[in-house]
C-alpha atoms as a PDB file:
ATOM      1  CA  MET A   1       9.661 -25.131  -1.587  1.00  0.00           C
ATOM      2  CA  GLU A   2       9.470 -21.758   0.152  1.00  0.00           C
ATOM      3  CA  GLU A   3       6.703 -21.428   2.738  1.00  0.00           C
ATOM      4  CA  GLU A   4       3.919 -18.913   2.117  1.00  0.00           C
ATOM      5  CA  VAL A   5       4.273 -15.829   4.310  1.00  0.00           C
ATOM      6  CA  LEU A   6       0.497 -15.460   4.554  1.00  0.00           C
ATOM      7  CA  LEU A   7      -2.062 -18.240   4.846  1.00  0.00           C
ATOM      8  CA  THR A   8      -5.551 -17.568   3.479  1.00  0.00           C
ATOM      9  CA  GLU A   9      -8.620 -19.551   4.477  1.00  0.00           C
ATOM     10  CA  THR A  10     -12.305 -18.923   3.841  1.00  0.00           C
ATOM     11  CA  ARG A  11     -14.787 -20.081   6.473  1.00  0.00           C
ATOM     12  CA  GLY A  12     -18.243 -19.275   5.179  1.00  0.00           C
ATOM     13  CA  ALA A  13     -18.461 -15.491   4.921  1.00  0.00           C
ATOM     14  CA  VAL A  14     -15.257 -15.012   6.951  1.00  0.00           C
ATOM     15  CA  ARG A  15     -11.796 -14.668   5.398  1.00  0.00           C
ATOM     16  CA  LEU A  16      -9.028 -15.735   7.786  1.00  0.00           C
ATOM     17  CA  LEU A  17      -5.574 -14.291   7.086  1.00  0.00           C
ATOM     18  CA  THR A  18      -2.751 -15.826   9.128  1.00  0.00           C
ATOM     19  CA  LEU A  19       0.683 -14.191   9.261  1.00  0.00           C
ATOM     20  CA  ASN A  20       3.034 -17.094   8.614  1.00  0.00           C
ATOM     21  CA  ARG A  21       6.637 -16.288   9.475  1.00  0.00           C
ATOM     22  CA  PRO A  22       6.700 -18.175  12.802  1.00  0.00           C
ATOM     23  CA  LYS A  23      10.520 -18.395  12.943  1.00  0.00           C
ATOM     24  CA  LYS A  24      10.540 -14.568  12.955  1.00  0.00           C
ATOM     25  CA  LEU A  25       7.453 -14.403  15.214  1.00  0.00           C
ATOM     26  CA  ASN A  26       5.669 -13.037  12.096  1.00  0.00           C
ATOM     27  CA  ALA A  27       7.766  -9.884  11.822  1.00  0.00           C
ATOM     28  CA  LEU A  28       6.663  -7.772   8.882  1.00  0.00           C
ATOM     29  CA  ASP A  29       8.956  -7.735   5.859  1.00  0.00           C
ATOM     30  CA  ALA A  30       8.316  -6.525   2.307  1.00  0.00           C
ATOM     31  CA  ALA A  31       6.867  -9.869   1.198  1.00  0.00           C
ATOM     32  CA  LEU A  32       4.443 -10.122   4.123  1.00  0.00           C
ATOM     33  CA  LEU A  33       3.370  -6.484   3.821  1.00  0.00           C
ATOM     34  CA  LYS A  34       2.547  -7.009   0.146  1.00  0.00           C
ATOM     35  CA  ALA A  35       0.815 -10.341   0.721  1.00  0.00           C
ATOM     36  CA  LEU A  36      -1.350  -8.925   3.500  1.00  0.00           C
ATOM     37  CA  THR A  37      -2.221  -5.794   1.522  1.00  0.00           C
ATOM     38  CA  ASP A  38      -3.144  -7.869  -1.547  1.00  0.00           C
ATOM     39  CA  ALA A  39      -5.213 -10.279   0.558  1.00  0.00           C
ATOM     40  CA  LEU A  40      -7.166  -7.448   2.193  1.00  0.00           C
ATOM     41  CA  LEU A  41      -7.925  -5.914  -1.199  1.00  0.00           C
ATOM     42  CA  ALA A  42      -8.979  -9.323  -2.509  1.00  0.00           C
ATOM     43  CA  ALA A  43     -11.359  -9.724   0.446  1.00  0.00           C
ATOM     44  CA  GLN A  44     -12.769  -6.273  -0.206  1.00  0.00           C
ATOM     45  CA  ASN A  45     -13.526  -7.201  -3.814  1.00  0.00           C
ATOM     46  CA  ASP A  46     -14.990 -10.623  -2.984  1.00  0.00           C
ATOM     47  CA  GLU A  47     -18.750 -10.287  -2.466  1.00  0.00           C
ATOM     48  CA  SER A  48     -18.878 -13.634  -0.662  1.00  0.00           C
ATOM     49  CA  VAL A  49     -16.657 -12.256   2.144  1.00  0.00           C
ATOM     50  CA  SER A  50     -18.300 -10.213   4.909  1.00  0.00           C
ATOM     51  CA  VAL A  51     -15.609 -10.075   7.598  1.00  0.00           C
ATOM     52  CA  VAL A  52     -11.822 -10.496   7.756  1.00  0.00           C
ATOM     53  CA  ILE A  53      -9.806 -11.925  10.665  1.00  0.00           C
ATOM     54  CA  ILE A  54      -6.045 -11.390  10.985  1.00  0.00           C
ATOM     55  CA  ALA A  55      -4.138 -13.866  13.177  1.00  0.00           C
ATOM     56  CA  GLY A  56      -0.544 -14.988  13.660  1.00  0.00           C
ATOM     57  CA  ALA A  57       0.999 -18.457  13.341  1.00  0.00           C
ATOM     58  CA  GLY A  58       3.280 -19.858  16.024  1.00  0.00           C
ATOM     59  CA  ARG A  59       4.128 -18.109  19.293  1.00  0.00           C
ATOM     60  CA  ALA A  60       3.114 -14.524  18.534  1.00  0.00           C
ATOM     61  CA  PHE A  61       0.886 -12.220  16.552  1.00  0.00           C
ATOM     62  CA  CYS A  62       3.597  -9.852  15.258  1.00  0.00           C
ATOM     63  CA  PRO A  63       6.609  -8.207  16.988  1.00  0.00           C
ATOM     64  CA  GLY A  64       6.817  -5.375  14.449  1.00  0.00           C
ATOM     65  CA  MET A  65       8.921  -4.751  11.370  1.00  0.00           C
ATOM     66  CA  ASP A  66      11.693  -7.194  10.534  1.00  0.00           C
ATOM     67  CA  THR A  67      14.837  -5.286  11.530  1.00  0.00           C
ATOM     68  CA  SER A  68      17.301  -7.994  10.476  1.00  0.00           C
ATOM     69  CA  ALA A  69      17.983  -6.141   7.200  1.00  0.00           C
ATOM     70  CA  PRO A  70      20.301  -3.079   7.289  1.00  0.00           C
ATOM     71  CA  ARG A  71      18.349   0.166   7.852  1.00  0.00           C
ATOM     72  CA  LEU A  72      21.062   2.810   7.529  1.00  0.00           C
ATOM     73  CA  LEU A  73      20.025   5.480   5.040  1.00  0.00           C
ATOM     74  CA  THR A  74      22.409   5.726   2.092  1.00  0.00           C
ATOM     75  CA  ALA A  75      22.081   7.186  -1.388  1.00  0.00           C
ATOM     76  CA  GLU A  76      21.879   3.644  -2.753  1.00  0.00           C
ATOM     77  CA  ASN A  77      19.087   2.309  -0.526  1.00  0.00           C
ATOM     78  CA  ARG A  78      17.017   5.490  -0.013  1.00  0.00           C
ATOM     79  CA  LYS A  79      14.406   4.507  -2.614  1.00  0.00           C
ATOM     80  CA  HIS A  80      14.075   1.059  -1.071  1.00  0.00           C
ATOM     81  CA  LEU A  81      13.544   2.466   2.436  1.00  0.00           C
ATOM     82  CA  VAL A  82      11.025   5.024   1.191  1.00  0.00           C
ATOM     83  CA  ARG A  83       9.107   2.324  -0.668  1.00  0.00           C
ATOM     84  CA  LYS A  84       9.098   0.053   2.383  1.00  0.00           C
ATOM     85  CA  ALA A  85       7.837   2.893   4.574  1.00  0.00           C
ATOM     86  CA  ASP A  86       5.096   3.710   2.063  1.00  0.00           C
ATOM     87  CA  GLU A  87       4.012   0.065   1.965  1.00  0.00           C
ATOM     88  CA  SER A  88       3.789  -0.062   5.757  1.00  0.00           C
ATOM     89  CA  VAL A  89       1.786   3.173   5.968  1.00  0.00           C
ATOM     90  CA  GLY A  90      -0.415   2.010   3.102  1.00  0.00           C
ATOM     91  CA  LEU A  91      -1.360  -1.149   5.008  1.00  0.00           C
ATOM     92  CA  PHE A  92      -2.439   0.806   8.095  1.00  0.00           C
ATOM     93  CA  LYS A  93      -4.482   3.222   5.971  1.00  0.00           C
ATOM     94  CA  LEU A  94      -6.147   0.300   4.234  1.00  0.00           C
ATOM     95  CA  LEU A  95      -7.404  -1.216   7.494  1.00  0.00           C
ATOM     96  CA  ALA A  96      -9.625   1.826   8.070  1.00  0.00           C
ATOM     97  CA  ARG A  97     -10.600   2.282   4.416  1.00  0.00           C
ATOM     98  CA  LEU A  98     -11.636  -1.311   3.885  1.00  0.00           C
ATOM     99  CA  GLU A  99     -15.431  -1.632   3.932  1.00  0.00           C
ATOM    100  CA  LYS A 100     -15.321  -5.109   5.411  1.00  0.00           C
ATOM    101  CA  PRO A 101     -14.830  -5.172   9.215  1.00  0.00           C
ATOM    102  CA  VAL A 102     -11.426  -6.530  10.263  1.00  0.00           C
ATOM    103  CA  ILE A 103     -10.895  -8.392  13.552  1.00  0.00           C
ATOM    104  CA  ALA A 104      -7.465  -9.017  15.085  1.00  0.00           C
ATOM    105  CA  SER A 105      -6.948 -12.347  16.880  1.00  0.00           C
ATOM    106  CA  VAL A 106      -3.914 -11.640  19.062  1.00  0.00           C
ATOM    107  CA  HIS A 107      -1.655 -13.846  21.145  1.00  0.00           C
ATOM    108  CA  GLY A 108       1.930 -13.310  22.238  1.00  0.00           C
ATOM    109  CA  TYR A 109       3.762 -10.179  21.152  1.00  0.00           C
ATOM    110  CA  ALA A 110       2.005  -7.393  19.258  1.00  0.00           C
ATOM    111  CA  LEU A 111       4.727  -4.757  19.285  1.00  0.00           C
ATOM    112  CA  GLY A 112       5.669  -1.728  17.225  1.00  0.00           C
ATOM    113  CA  ALA A 113       4.162  -2.061  13.771  1.00  0.00           C
ATOM    114  CA  GLY A 114       2.574  -5.290  14.999  1.00  0.00           C
ATOM    115  CA  CYS A 115       0.793  -3.319  17.707  1.00  0.00           C
ATOM    116  CA  ASN A 116      -0.305  -0.873  15.006  1.00  0.00           C
ATOM    117  CA  LEU A 117      -1.603  -3.784  12.953  1.00  0.00           C
ATOM    118  CA  ALA A 118      -3.586  -5.238  15.861  1.00  0.00           C
ATOM    119  CA  LEU A 119      -5.023  -1.977  17.196  1.00  0.00           C
ATOM    120  CA  GLY A 120      -5.632  -0.691  13.671  1.00  0.00           C
ATOM    121  CA  CYS A 121      -8.177  -3.467  13.147  1.00  0.00           C
ATOM    122  CA  ASP A 122     -11.797  -2.588  13.864  1.00  0.00           C
ATOM    123  CA  LEU A 123     -12.112  -5.105  16.702  1.00  0.00           C
ATOM    124  CA  VAL A 124      -9.469  -6.869  18.804  1.00  0.00           C
ATOM    125  CA  VAL A 125      -9.624 -10.196  20.620  1.00  0.00           C
ATOM    126  CA  ALA A 126      -6.618 -10.738  22.891  1.00  0.00           C
ATOM    127  CA  ALA A 127      -5.425 -13.919  24.560  1.00  0.00           C
ATOM    128  CA  GLU A 128      -3.982 -13.705  28.065  1.00  0.00           C
ATOM    129  CA  SER A 129      -0.461 -14.136  26.644  1.00  0.00           C
ATOM    130  CA  ALA A 130      -0.779 -11.024  24.463  1.00  0.00           C
ATOM    131  CA  ARG A 131       1.532  -8.087  25.090  1.00  0.00           C
ATOM    132  CA  PHE A 132       1.120  -4.699  23.414  1.00  0.00           C
ATOM    133  CA  GLY A 133       3.752  -1.991  23.183  1.00  0.00           C
ATOM    134  CA  PHE A 134       6.143   0.191  21.215  1.00  0.00           C
ATOM    135  CA  PRO A 135       9.808  -0.732  21.872  1.00  0.00           C
ATOM    136  CA  GLU A 136      11.271   1.514  19.145  1.00  0.00           C
ATOM    137  CA  LEU A 137      13.173   3.949  21.400  1.00  0.00           C
ATOM    138  CA  ARG A 138      14.652   1.101  23.433  1.00  0.00           C
ATOM    139  CA  ALA A 139      15.847  -0.459  20.171  1.00  0.00           C
ATOM    140  CA  GLY A 140      17.534   2.782  19.106  1.00  0.00           C
ATOM    141  CA  LEU A 141      14.856   3.656  16.540  1.00  0.00           C
ATOM    142  CA  THR A 142      12.618   6.674  16.101  1.00  0.00           C
ATOM    143  CA  ALA A 143       8.995   5.905  16.863  1.00  0.00           C
ATOM    144  CA  SER A 144       7.611   7.792  13.873  1.00  0.00           C
ATOM    145  CA  THR A 145       4.965   5.817  11.997  1.00  0.00           C
ATOM    146  CA  VAL A 146       3.826   4.069  15.164  1.00  0.00           C
ATOM    147  CA  ALA A 147       3.532   7.431  16.951  1.00  0.00           C
ATOM    148  CA  ALA A 148       1.332   8.897  14.215  1.00  0.00           C
ATOM    149  CA  HIS A 149      -0.880   5.826  14.283  1.00  0.00           C
ATOM    150  CA  ALA A 150      -1.047   5.632  18.093  1.00  0.00           C
ATOM    151  CA  ALA A 151      -2.168   9.251  18.265  1.00  0.00           C
ATOM    152  CA  HIS A 152      -5.328   8.270  16.401  1.00  0.00           C
ATOM    153  CA  VAL A 153      -6.215   4.930  18.000  1.00  0.00           C
ATOM    154  CA  MET A 154      -5.687   5.665  21.695  1.00  0.00           C
ATOM    155  CA  GLY A 155      -5.685   8.506  24.194  1.00  0.00           C
ATOM    156  CA  ARG A 156      -2.773  10.932  24.144  1.00  0.00           C
ATOM    157  CA  LYS A 157      -1.429  10.111  27.607  1.00  0.00           C
ATOM    158  CA  ILE A 158      -1.404   6.346  27.187  1.00  0.00           C
ATOM    159  CA  ALA A 159       0.065   6.664  23.687  1.00  0.00           C
ATOM    160  CA  LEU A 160       2.939   8.806  24.929  1.00  0.00           C
ATOM    161  CA  GLU A 161       3.493   6.499  27.912  1.00  0.00           C
ATOM    162  CA  LEU A 162       3.860   3.490  25.626  1.00  0.00           C
ATOM    163  CA  LEU A 163       6.045   5.370  23.154  1.00  0.00           C
ATOM    164  CA  MET A 164       8.337   6.993  25.738  1.00  0.00           C
ATOM    165  CA  LEU A 165       8.674   4.316  28.427  1.00  0.00           C
ATOM    166  CA  CYS A 166       8.695   1.336  26.027  1.00  0.00           C
ATOM    167  CA  ASP A 167       6.869  -0.823  28.582  1.00  0.00           C
ATOM    168  CA  ASN A 168       4.591  -3.539  27.271  1.00  0.00           C
ATOM    169  CA  ILE A 169       1.058  -3.650  28.612  1.00  0.00           C
ATOM    170  CA  THR A 170      -1.022  -6.715  29.405  1.00  0.00           C
ATOM    171  CA  PRO A 171      -4.258  -7.452  27.569  1.00  0.00           C
ATOM    172  CA  GLN A 172      -6.105  -6.752  30.822  1.00  0.00           C
ATOM    173  CA  ARG A 173      -4.801  -3.182  30.876  1.00  0.00           C
ATOM    174  CA  ALA A 174      -5.420  -2.844  27.146  1.00  0.00           C
ATOM    175  CA  TYR A 175      -9.008  -3.937  27.770  1.00  0.00           C
ATOM    176  CA  GLU A 176      -9.406  -1.417  30.589  1.00  0.00           C
ATOM    177  CA  LEU A 177      -8.095   1.313  28.266  1.00  0.00           C
ATOM    178  CA  GLY A 178     -10.595   0.403  25.578  1.00  0.00           C
ATOM    179  CA  LEU A 179      -7.961  -0.903  23.155  1.00  0.00           C
ATOM    180  CA  VAL A 180      -9.203  -4.508  23.247  1.00  0.00           C
ATOM    181  CA  ASN A 181     -12.781  -5.771  22.872  1.00  0.00           C
ATOM    182  CA  ARG A 182     -12.461  -9.275  24.321  1.00  0.00           C
ATOM    183  CA  LEU A 183      -9.940 -10.851  26.705  1.00  0.00           C
ATOM    184  CA  VAL A 184      -9.891 -14.656  26.579  1.00  0.00           C
ATOM    185  CA  PRO A 185      -7.719 -17.591  27.718  1.00  0.00           C
ATOM    186  CA  ASP A 186      -4.944 -18.654  25.358  1.00  0.00           C
ATOM    187  CA  GLY A 187      -6.206 -20.843  22.567  1.00  0.00           C
ATOM    188  CA  GLN A 188      -9.664 -19.265  22.525  1.00  0.00           C
ATOM    189  CA  GLN A 189      -8.819 -16.048  20.680  1.00  0.00           C
ATOM    190  CA  LEU A 190      -9.530 -17.312  17.169  1.00  0.00           C
ATOM    191  CA  GLU A 191     -12.728 -19.086  18.221  1.00  0.00           C
ATOM    192  CA  THR A 192     -13.949 -15.862  19.845  1.00  0.00           C
ATOM    193  CA  ALA A 193     -12.995 -13.776  16.820  1.00  0.00           C
ATOM    194  CA  MET A 194     -14.845 -16.224  14.566  1.00  0.00           C
ATOM    195  CA  ALA A 195     -17.988 -15.966  16.698  1.00  0.00           C
ATOM    196  CA  MET A 196     -17.873 -12.169  16.474  1.00  0.00           C
ATOM    197  CA  ALA A 197     -17.280 -12.338  12.722  1.00  0.00           C
ATOM    198  CA  GLU A 198     -20.179 -14.735  12.190  1.00  0.00           C
ATOM    199  CA  THR A 199     -22.500 -12.373  14.075  1.00  0.00           C
ATOM    200  CA  ILE A 200     -21.465  -9.421  11.900  1.00  0.00           C
ATOM    201  CA  ALA A 201     -21.842 -11.547   8.768  1.00  0.00           C
ATOM    202  CA  LYS A 202     -25.577 -11.885   9.514  1.00  0.00           C
ATOM    203  CA  TRP A 203     -26.180  -8.178   8.889  1.00  0.00           C
ATOM    204  CA  ASN A 204     -26.786  -6.448   5.553  1.00  0.00           C
ATOM    205  CA  PRO A 205     -23.259  -6.031   4.089  1.00  0.00           C
ATOM    206  CA  GLU A 206     -24.129  -2.666   2.487  1.00  0.00           C
ATOM    207  CA  PHE A 207     -25.223  -1.301   5.851  1.00  0.00           C
ATOM    208  CA  VAL A 208     -22.203  -2.768   7.647  1.00  0.00           C
ATOM    209  CA  GLY A 209     -19.841  -1.189   5.127  1.00  0.00           C
ATOM    210  CA  GLN A 210     -21.547   2.183   5.325  1.00  0.00           C
ATOM    211  CA  THR A 211     -21.540   2.055   9.118  1.00  0.00           C
ATOM    212  CA  LYS A 212     -17.781   1.508   9.104  1.00  0.00           C
ATOM    213  CA  ARG A 213     -17.208   4.300   6.576  1.00  0.00           C
ATOM    214  CA  THR A 214     -19.380   6.675   8.578  1.00  0.00           C
ATOM    215  CA  PHE A 215     -17.554   5.844  11.798  1.00  0.00           C
ATOM    216  CA  TYR A 216     -14.065   6.557  10.457  1.00  0.00           C
ATOM    217  CA  ARG A 217     -15.143   9.699   8.651  1.00  0.00           C
ATOM    218  CA  ALA A 218     -16.860  10.970  11.776  1.00  0.00           C
ATOM    219  CA  ALA A 219     -13.713  10.313  13.803  1.00  0.00           C
ATOM    220  CA  SER A 220     -11.831  12.849  11.668  1.00  0.00           C
ATOM    221  CA  LEU A 221     -14.481  15.588  11.995  1.00  0.00           C
ATOM    222  CA  ASP A 222     -15.650  17.822  14.813  1.00  0.00           C
ATOM    223  CA  PHE A 223     -18.929  16.845  16.459  1.00  0.00           C
ATOM    224  CA  GLU A 224     -21.282  19.090  14.494  1.00  0.00           C
ATOM    225  CA  HIS A 225     -19.759  18.284  11.100  1.00  0.00           C
ATOM    226  CA  ALA A 226     -19.826  14.593  11.952  1.00  0.00           C
ATOM    227  CA  LEU A 227     -23.544  14.743  12.711  1.00  0.00           C
ATOM    228  CA  ASP A 228     -24.221  16.689   9.502  1.00  0.00           C
ATOM    229  CA  MET A 229     -22.303  14.097   7.480  1.00  0.00           C
ATOM    230  CA  ALA A 230     -24.153  11.246   9.193  1.00  0.00           C
ATOM    231  CA  SER A 231     -27.507  12.907   8.526  1.00  0.00           C
ATOM    232  CA  ASP A 232     -26.755  13.172   4.811  1.00  0.00           C
ATOM    233  CA  ILE A 233     -25.711   9.514   4.683  1.00  0.00           C
ATOM    234  CA  SER A 234     -28.860   8.368   6.499  1.00  0.00           C
ATOM    235  CA  VAL A 235     -30.990  10.084   3.841  1.00  0.00           C
ATOM    236  CA  LEU A 236     -29.016   8.434   1.029  1.00  0.00           C
ATOM    237  CA  MET A 237     -29.127   4.998   2.651  1.00  0.00           C
ATOM    238  CA  ALA A 238     -32.880   5.285   3.182  1.00  0.00           C
ATOM    239  CA  ARG A 239     -33.256   5.211  -0.594  1.00  0.00           C
ATOM    240  CA  LEU A 240     -31.742   1.715  -0.820  1.00  0.00           C
ATOM    241  CA  PRO A 241     -34.277  -1.117  -1.118  1.00  0.00           C
END
């Protein structure tokens, strides 16, 4: 029987999603991308779920996209490559659009698209073994999707350093750069993420969801427009019982 690529567990109001391709260090393939996307949407539509945690089974969180399949663009496989790219981009968009907060529990490698997945979550807990980076250029690939994502989740200089030099950074440096919320010893990352999730789950879920929506909308606006938008939302939310 084929092993599930994504393990789903509900712990109270917390939905734990565990990437489960340990032999591939949880590299993202079409099946895992779809399973994770479907699971996030399911959590969004489940009123009993307040927070989502994404973790990785085995020795790593996720080293990026599975590159074992041929990637050369041909007339025959163009549609497949376009669809795969759309699925990957769709997952990263969903992380921000989801109303439920998403916490990454990271250990081992979080590289390339795996780094995008970790840093694209709302909060990040990193074990001391975690390593973040974008090795695409070193691997002979164009850092396209990861570059677009990095430009929005970290400062320009550090993003370009990671993209151009292809050096991995430690969780300590990631913490100092504001990319990681908690740095913990190995083995404590999930426990810490659960504690954070359980705290968030105590709050009014409508207000939590609106706070997240307001934050990401504000991030795409200039300061004055962001404040105007937030003011309008505060008036609307005040009408809720």
